[in-house]
Amino acid sequence: MQDYRIETEVSDDGSLIIKNLPFSAGESVEVIIRSRTAEDGQGKRYPLRGKPIRYVDPFGSVAEENWEALR
């Protein structure tokens, strides 16, 4: 199955026109229409993007108490 994505707007009469599709004439296709809102962008996909990063102890040991050799 080949996927093809395009973003377009619904016209005033509530219809969509999609031209120049990369499929052959007579080929069977499935059409799925999703609403696209401003929140659907990258905001939810990468929730930590743009947040400040703070390293408390970047060179400190991690789980040092779990190492049997150090006991």
PDB file of N, CA and C in Angstrom:
ATOM      1  N   MET A   1       0.850  -1.176   0.000  1.00  0.00           N
ATOM      2  CA  MET A   1       0.000   0.000   0.000  1.00  0.00           C
ATOM      3  C   MET A   1       0.895   1.239   0.000  1.00  0.00           C
ATOM      4  N   GLN A   2       0.591   2.150  -0.861  1.00  0.00           N
ATOM      5  CA  GLN A   2       1.337   3.397  -0.972  1.00  0.00           C
ATOM      6  C   GLN A   2       0.545   4.506  -0.298  1.00  0.00           C
ATOM      7  N   ASP A   3       1.212   5.273   0.564  1.00  0.00           N
ATOM      8  CA  ASP A   3       0.556   6.389   1.239  1.00  0.00           C
ATOM      9  C   ASP A   3       0.890   7.691   0.536  1.00  0.00           C
ATOM     10  N   TYR A   4      -0.060   8.585   0.498  1.00  0.00           N
ATOM     11  CA  TYR A   4       0.126   9.904  -0.096  1.00  0.00           C
ATOM     12  C   TYR A   4      -0.588  10.896   0.799  1.00  0.00           C
ATOM     13  N   ARG A   5       0.121  11.923   1.220  1.00  0.00           N
ATOM     14  CA  ARG A   5      -0.454  12.907   2.152  1.00  0.00           C
ATOM     15  C   ARG A   5      -0.438  14.284   1.502  1.00  0.00           C
ATOM     16  N   ILE A   6      -1.532  14.996   1.715  1.00  0.00           N
ATOM     17  CA  ILE A   6      -1.633  16.371   1.230  1.00  0.00           C
ATOM     18  C   ILE A   6      -2.502  17.148   2.216  1.00  0.00           C
ATOM     19  N   GLU A   7      -2.142  18.393   2.447  1.00  0.00           N
ATOM     20  CA  GLU A   7      -2.952  19.261   3.298  1.00  0.00           C
ATOM     21  C   GLU A   7      -3.679  20.251   2.405  1.00  0.00           C
ATOM     22  N   THR A   8      -4.955  20.405   2.640  1.00  0.00           N
ATOM     23  CA  THR A   8      -5.770  21.319   1.860  1.00  0.00           C
ATOM     24  C   THR A   8      -6.886  21.861   2.737  1.00  0.00           C
ATOM     25  N   GLU A   9      -7.642  22.783   2.221  1.00  0.00           N
ATOM     26  CA  GLU A   9      -8.738  23.375   2.981  1.00  0.00           C
ATOM     27  C   GLU A   9     -10.064  23.051   2.308  1.00  0.00           C
ATOM     28  N   VAL A  10     -11.087  22.943   3.121  1.00  0.00           N
ATOM     29  CA  VAL A  10     -12.437  22.698   2.618  1.00  0.00           C
ATOM     30  C   VAL A  10     -12.964  24.004   2.035  1.00  0.00           C
ATOM     31  N   SER A  11     -13.571  23.919   0.861  1.00  0.00           N
ATOM     32  CA  SER A  11     -14.102  25.131   0.222  1.00  0.00           C
ATOM     33  C   SER A  11     -15.405  25.552   0.890  1.00  0.00           C
ATOM     34  N   ASP A  12     -15.925  26.702   0.498  1.00  0.00           N
ATOM     35  CA  ASP A  12     -17.148  27.259   1.104  1.00  0.00           C
ATOM     36  C   ASP A  12     -18.347  26.332   0.958  1.00  0.00           C
ATOM     37  N   ASP A  13     -18.384  25.556  -0.114  1.00  0.00           N
ATOM     38  CA  ASP A  13     -19.518  24.649  -0.308  1.00  0.00           C
ATOM     39  C   ASP A  13     -19.308  23.295   0.368  1.00  0.00           C
ATOM     40  N   GLY A  14     -18.198  23.146   1.120  1.00  0.00           N
ATOM     41  CA  GLY A  14     -17.949  21.924   1.880  1.00  0.00           C
ATOM     42  C   GLY A  14     -17.313  20.800   1.089  1.00  0.00           C
ATOM     43  N   SER A  15     -16.707  21.132  -0.048  1.00  0.00           N
ATOM     44  CA  SER A  15     -16.108  20.084  -0.870  1.00  0.00           C
ATOM     45  C   SER A  15     -14.584  20.207  -0.901  1.00  0.00           C
ATOM     46  N   LEU A  16     -13.944  19.113  -1.294  1.00  0.00           N
ATOM     47  CA  LEU A  16     -12.488  19.067  -1.469  1.00  0.00           C
ATOM     48  C   LEU A  16     -12.181  18.679  -2.904  1.00  0.00           C
ATOM     49  N   ILE A  17     -11.158  19.284  -3.465  1.00  0.00           N
ATOM     50  CA  ILE A  17     -10.691  18.907  -4.796  1.00  0.00           C
ATOM     51  C   ILE A  17      -9.211  18.582  -4.669  1.00  0.00           C
ATOM     52  N   ILE A  18      -8.853  17.368  -5.039  1.00  0.00           N
ATOM     53  CA  ILE A  18      -7.452  16.936  -4.974  1.00  0.00           C
ATOM     54  C   ILE A  18      -7.042  16.538  -6.384  1.00  0.00           C
ATOM     55  N   LYS A  19      -6.037  17.213  -6.921  1.00  0.00           N
ATOM     56  CA  LYS A  19      -5.583  16.965  -8.292  1.00  0.00           C
ATOM     57  C   LYS A  19      -4.178  16.379  -8.283  1.00  0.00           C
ATOM     58  N   ASN A  20      -3.807  15.790  -9.401  1.00  0.00           N
ATOM     59  CA  ASN A  20      -2.463  15.255  -9.640  1.00  0.00           C
ATOM     60  C   ASN A  20      -2.055  14.196  -8.621  1.00  0.00           C
ATOM     61  N   LEU A  21      -2.941  13.259  -8.360  1.00  0.00           N
ATOM     62  CA  LEU A  21      -2.624  12.172  -7.439  1.00  0.00           C
ATOM     63  C   LEU A  21      -1.658  11.196  -8.101  1.00  0.00           C
ATOM     64  N   PRO A  22      -0.756  10.605  -7.327  1.00  0.00           N
ATOM     65  CA  PRO A  22       0.247   9.693  -7.898  1.00  0.00           C
ATOM     66  C   PRO A  22      -0.266   8.257  -8.043  1.00  0.00           C
ATOM     67  N   PHE A  23      -1.518   8.080  -8.436  1.00  0.00           N
ATOM     68  CA  PHE A  23      -2.103   6.756  -8.613  1.00  0.00           C
ATOM     69  C   PHE A  23      -2.612   6.631 -10.043  1.00  0.00           C
ATOM     70  N   SER A  24      -2.706   5.411 -10.503  1.00  0.00           N
ATOM     71  CA  SER A  24      -3.178   5.156 -11.861  1.00  0.00           C
ATOM     72  C   SER A  24      -4.697   5.274 -11.921  1.00  0.00           C
ATOM     73  N   ALA A  25      -5.204   5.611 -13.096  1.00  0.00           N
ATOM     74  CA  ALA A  25      -6.652   5.688 -13.289  1.00  0.00           C
ATOM     75  C   ALA A  25      -7.254   4.307 -13.077  1.00  0.00           C
ATOM     76  N   GLY A  26      -8.338   4.244 -12.333  1.00  0.00           N
ATOM     77  CA  GLY A  26      -9.010   2.980 -12.063  1.00  0.00           C
ATOM     78  C   GLY A  26      -8.466   2.236 -10.852  1.00  0.00           C
ATOM     79  N   GLU A  27      -7.374   2.722 -10.279  1.00  0.00           N
ATOM     80  CA  GLU A  27      -6.784   2.068  -9.103  1.00  0.00           C
ATOM     81  C   GLU A  27      -7.672   2.305  -7.885  1.00  0.00           C
ATOM     82  N   SER A  28      -7.846   1.270  -7.074  1.00  0.00           N
ATOM     83  CA  SER A  28      -8.673   1.376  -5.865  1.00  0.00           C
ATOM     84  C   SER A  28      -7.871   2.062  -4.764  1.00  0.00           C
ATOM     85  N   VAL A  29      -8.459   3.079  -4.132  1.00  0.00           N
ATOM     86  CA  VAL A  29      -7.787   3.817  -3.058  1.00  0.00           C
ATOM     87  C   VAL A  29      -8.729   3.963  -1.868  1.00  0.00           C
ATOM     88  N   GLU A  30      -8.162   4.189  -0.704  1.00  0.00           N
ATOM     89  CA  GLU A  30      -8.926   4.456   0.510  1.00  0.00           C
ATOM     90  C   GLU A  30      -8.702   5.912   0.883  1.00  0.00           C
ATOM     91  N   VAL A  31      -9.774   6.626   1.213  1.00  0.00           N
ATOM     92  CA  VAL A  31      -9.674   8.037   1.554  1.00  0.00           C
ATOM     93  C   VAL A  31     -10.029   8.207   3.028  1.00  0.00           C
ATOM     94  N   ILE A  32      -9.107   8.812   3.799  1.00  0.00           N
ATOM     95  CA  ILE A  32      -9.342   9.111   5.207  1.00  0.00           C
ATOM     96  C   ILE A  32      -9.163  10.606   5.376  1.00  0.00           C
ATOM     97  N   ILE A  33     -10.126  11.256   6.004  1.00  0.00           N
ATOM     98  CA  ILE A  33     -10.055  12.702   6.194  1.00  0.00           C
ATOM     99  C   ILE A  33      -9.987  12.988   7.683  1.00  0.00           C
ATOM    100  N   ARG A  34      -8.963  13.735   8.092  1.00  0.00           N
ATOM    101  CA  ARG A  34      -8.782  14.115   9.491  1.00  0.00           C
ATOM    102  C   ARG A  34      -8.816  15.629   9.609  1.00  0.00           C
ATOM    103  N   SER A  35      -9.372  16.085  10.709  1.00  0.00           N
ATOM    104  CA  SER A  35      -9.363  17.508  10.999  1.00  0.00           C
ATOM    105  C   SER A  35      -7.969  17.882  11.495  1.00  0.00           C
ATOM    106  N   ARG A  36      -7.472  19.001  11.060  1.00  0.00           N
ATOM    107  CA  ARG A  36      -6.132  19.446  11.456  1.00  0.00           C
ATOM    108  C   ARG A  36      -6.292  20.718  12.269  1.00  0.00           C
ATOM    109  N   THR A  37      -5.906  20.679  13.553  1.00  0.00           N
ATOM    110  CA  THR A  37      -5.977  21.857  14.408  1.00  0.00           C
ATOM    111  C   THR A  37      -4.570  22.331  14.725  1.00  0.00           C
ATOM    112  N   ALA A  38      -4.460  23.486  15.340  1.00  0.00           N
ATOM    113  CA  ALA A  38      -3.149  24.040  15.677  1.00  0.00           C
ATOM    114  C   ALA A  38      -2.422  23.158  16.685  1.00  0.00           C
ATOM    115  N   GLU A  39      -3.150  22.442  17.533  1.00  0.00           N
ATOM    116  CA  GLU A  39      -2.531  21.582  18.537  1.00  0.00           C
ATOM    117  C   GLU A  39      -1.982  20.299  17.945  1.00  0.00           C
ATOM    118  N   ASP A  40      -2.383  19.953  16.722  1.00  0.00           N
ATOM    119  CA  ASP A  40      -1.912  18.723  16.095  1.00  0.00           C
ATOM    120  C   ASP A  40      -0.472  18.819  15.613  1.00  0.00           C
ATOM    121  N   GLY A  41       0.107  19.987  15.680  1.00  0.00           N
ATOM    122  CA  GLY A  41       1.468  20.185  15.191  1.00  0.00           C
ATOM    123  C   GLY A  41       2.498  19.506  16.068  1.00  0.00           C
ATOM    124  N   GLN A  42       3.693  20.014  16.068  1.00  0.00           N
ATOM    125  CA  GLN A  42       4.793  19.393  16.782  1.00  0.00           C
ATOM    126  C   GLN A  42       4.723  19.595  18.283  1.00  0.00           C
ATOM    127  N   GLY A  43       3.807  20.393  18.778  1.00  0.00           N
ATOM    128  CA  GLY A  43       3.719  20.643  20.206  1.00  0.00           C
ATOM    129  C   GLY A  43       3.505  19.381  21.023  1.00  0.00           C
ATOM    130  N   LYS A  44       2.619  18.518  20.597  1.00  0.00           N
ATOM    131  CA  LYS A  44       2.357  17.296  21.332  1.00  0.00           C
ATOM    132  C   LYS A  44       3.380  16.213  21.034  1.00  0.00           C
ATOM    133  N   ARG A  45       3.955  16.253  19.867  1.00  0.00           N
ATOM    134  CA  ARG A  45       4.907  15.211  19.486  1.00  0.00           C
ATOM    135  C   ARG A  45       6.207  15.329  20.273  1.00  0.00           C
ATOM    136  N   TYR A  46       6.652  16.535  20.536  1.00  0.00           N
ATOM    137  CA  TYR A  46       7.884  16.771  21.288  1.00  0.00           C
ATOM    138  C   TYR A  46       7.569  17.712  22.458  1.00  0.00           C
ATOM    139  N   PRO A  47       6.970  17.204  23.540  1.00  0.00           N
ATOM    140  CA  PRO A  47       6.534  18.090  24.615  1.00  0.00           C
ATOM    141  C   PRO A  47       7.668  18.780  25.361  1.00  0.00           C
ATOM    142  N   LEU A  48       8.888  18.286  25.289  1.00  0.00           N
ATOM    143  CA  LEU A  48      10.007  18.908  25.999  1.00  0.00           C
ATOM    144  C   LEU A  48      10.812  19.882  25.134  1.00  0.00           C
ATOM    145  N   ARG A  49      10.436  20.012  23.876  1.00  0.00           N
ATOM    146  CA  ARG A  49      11.158  20.924  22.993  1.00  0.00           C
ATOM    147  C   ARG A  49      11.024  22.355  23.493  1.00  0.00           C
ATOM    148  N   GLY A  50      12.148  23.052  23.646  1.00  0.00           N
ATOM    149  CA  GLY A  50      12.147  24.435  24.087  1.00  0.00           C
ATOM    150  C   GLY A  50      12.180  24.598  25.599  1.00  0.00           C
ATOM    151  N   LYS A  51      12.102  23.510  26.336  1.00  0.00           N
ATOM    152  CA  LYS A  51      12.151  23.590  27.795  1.00  0.00           C
ATOM    153  C   LYS A  51      13.606  23.701  28.246  1.00  0.00           C
ATOM    154  N   PRO A  52      13.859  24.403  29.343  1.00  0.00           N
ATOM    155  CA  PRO A  52      15.247  24.537  29.816  1.00  0.00           C
ATOM    156  C   PRO A  52      15.775  23.203  30.356  1.00  0.00           C
ATOM    157  N   ILE A  53      17.070  23.006  30.166  1.00  0.00           N
ATOM    158  CA  ILE A  53      17.740  21.799  30.643  1.00  0.00           C
ATOM    159  C   ILE A  53      18.632  22.178  31.804  1.00  0.00           C
ATOM    160  N   ARG A  54      18.546  21.408  32.888  1.00  0.00           N
ATOM    161  CA  ARG A  54      19.368  21.679  34.053  1.00  0.00           C
ATOM    162  C   ARG A  54      19.993  20.378  34.518  1.00  0.00           C
ATOM    163  N   TYR A  55      21.307  20.329  34.600  1.00  0.00           N
ATOM    164  CA  TYR A  55      22.024  19.163  35.079  1.00  0.00           C
ATOM    165  C   TYR A  55      22.411  19.396  36.532  1.00  0.00           C
ATOM    166  N   VAL A  56      21.909  18.565  37.429  1.00  0.00           N
ATOM    167  CA  VAL A  56      22.182  18.725  38.854  1.00  0.00           C
ATOM    168  C   VAL A  56      23.604  18.281  39.170  1.00  0.00           C
ATOM    169  N   ASP A  57      23.980  17.087  38.738  1.00  0.00           N
ATOM    170  CA  ASP A  57      25.321  16.560  38.993  1.00  0.00           C
ATOM    171  C   ASP A  57      25.726  15.722  37.778  1.00  0.00           C
ATOM    172  N   PRO A  58      26.155  16.351  36.694  1.00  0.00           N
ATOM    173  CA  PRO A  58      26.380  15.618  35.450  1.00  0.00           C
ATOM    174  C   PRO A  58      27.508  14.591  35.512  1.00  0.00           C
ATOM    175  N   PHE A  59      28.461  14.746  36.412  1.00  0.00           N
ATOM    176  CA  PHE A  59      29.576  13.806  36.483  1.00  0.00           C
ATOM    177  C   PHE A  59      29.486  12.883  37.697  1.00  0.00           C
ATOM    178  N   GLY A  60      28.391  12.916  38.400  1.00  0.00           N
ATOM    179  CA  GLY A  60      28.211  12.084  39.583  1.00  0.00           C
ATOM    180  C   GLY A  60      27.897  10.640  39.218  1.00  0.00           C
ATOM    181  N   SER A  61      28.079   9.742  40.167  1.00  0.00           N
ATOM    182  CA  SER A  61      27.795   8.327  39.959  1.00  0.00           C
ATOM    183  C   SER A  61      26.295   8.080  39.904  1.00  0.00           C
ATOM    184  N   VAL A  62      25.929   7.087  39.137  1.00  0.00           N
ATOM    185  CA  VAL A  62      24.544   6.699  39.017  1.00  0.00           C
ATOM    186  C   VAL A  62      24.378   5.324  39.647  1.00  0.00           C
ATOM    187  N   ALA A  63      23.484   5.204  40.595  1.00  0.00           N
ATOM    188  CA  ALA A  63      23.180   3.934  41.264  1.00  0.00           C
ATOM    189  C   ALA A  63      24.437   3.292  41.857  1.00  0.00           C
ATOM    190  N   GLU A  64      25.280   4.089  42.459  1.00  0.00           N
ATOM    191  CA  GLU A  64      26.525   3.589  43.033  1.00  0.00           C
ATOM    192  C   GLU A  64      26.265   2.555  44.129  1.00  0.00           C
ATOM    193  N   GLU A  65      25.171   2.705  44.866  1.00  0.00           N
ATOM    194  CA  GLU A  65      24.870   1.769  45.950  1.00  0.00           C
ATOM    195  C   GLU A  65      24.472   0.389  45.439  1.00  0.00           C
ATOM    196  N   ASN A  66      24.172   0.253  44.145  1.00  0.00           N
ATOM    197  CA  ASN A  66      23.773  -1.036  43.584  1.00  0.00           C
ATOM    198  C   ASN A  66      24.959  -1.866  43.081  1.00  0.00           C
ATOM    199  N   TRP A  67      26.150  -1.313  43.039  1.00  0.00           N
ATOM    200  CA  TRP A  67      27.330  -2.036  42.553  1.00  0.00           C
ATOM    201  C   TRP A  67      27.866  -2.932  43.667  1.00  0.00           C
ATOM    202  N   GLU A  68      27.875  -4.237  43.427  1.00  0.00           N
ATOM    203  CA  GLU A  68      28.375  -5.189  44.437  1.00  0.00           C
ATOM    204  C   GLU A  68      29.873  -5.022  44.671  1.00  0.00           C
ATOM    205  N   ALA A  69      30.632  -4.647  43.659  1.00  0.00           N
ATOM    206  CA  ALA A  69      32.082  -4.527  43.798  1.00  0.00           C
ATOM    207  C   ALA A  69      32.472  -3.404  44.747  1.00  0.00           C
ATOM    208  N   LEU A  70      31.614  -2.422  44.945  1.00  0.00           N
ATOM    209  CA  LEU A  70      31.919  -1.298  45.811  1.00  0.00           C
ATOM    210  C   LEU A  70      31.490  -1.543  47.257  1.00  0.00           C
ATOM    211  N   ARG A  71      30.862  -2.665  47.520  1.00  0.00           N
ATOM    212  CA  ARG A  71      30.396  -2.955  48.891  1.00  0.00           C
ATOM    213  C   ARG A  71      31.486  -3.536  49.747  1.00  0.00           C
TER     214      ARG A  71
END
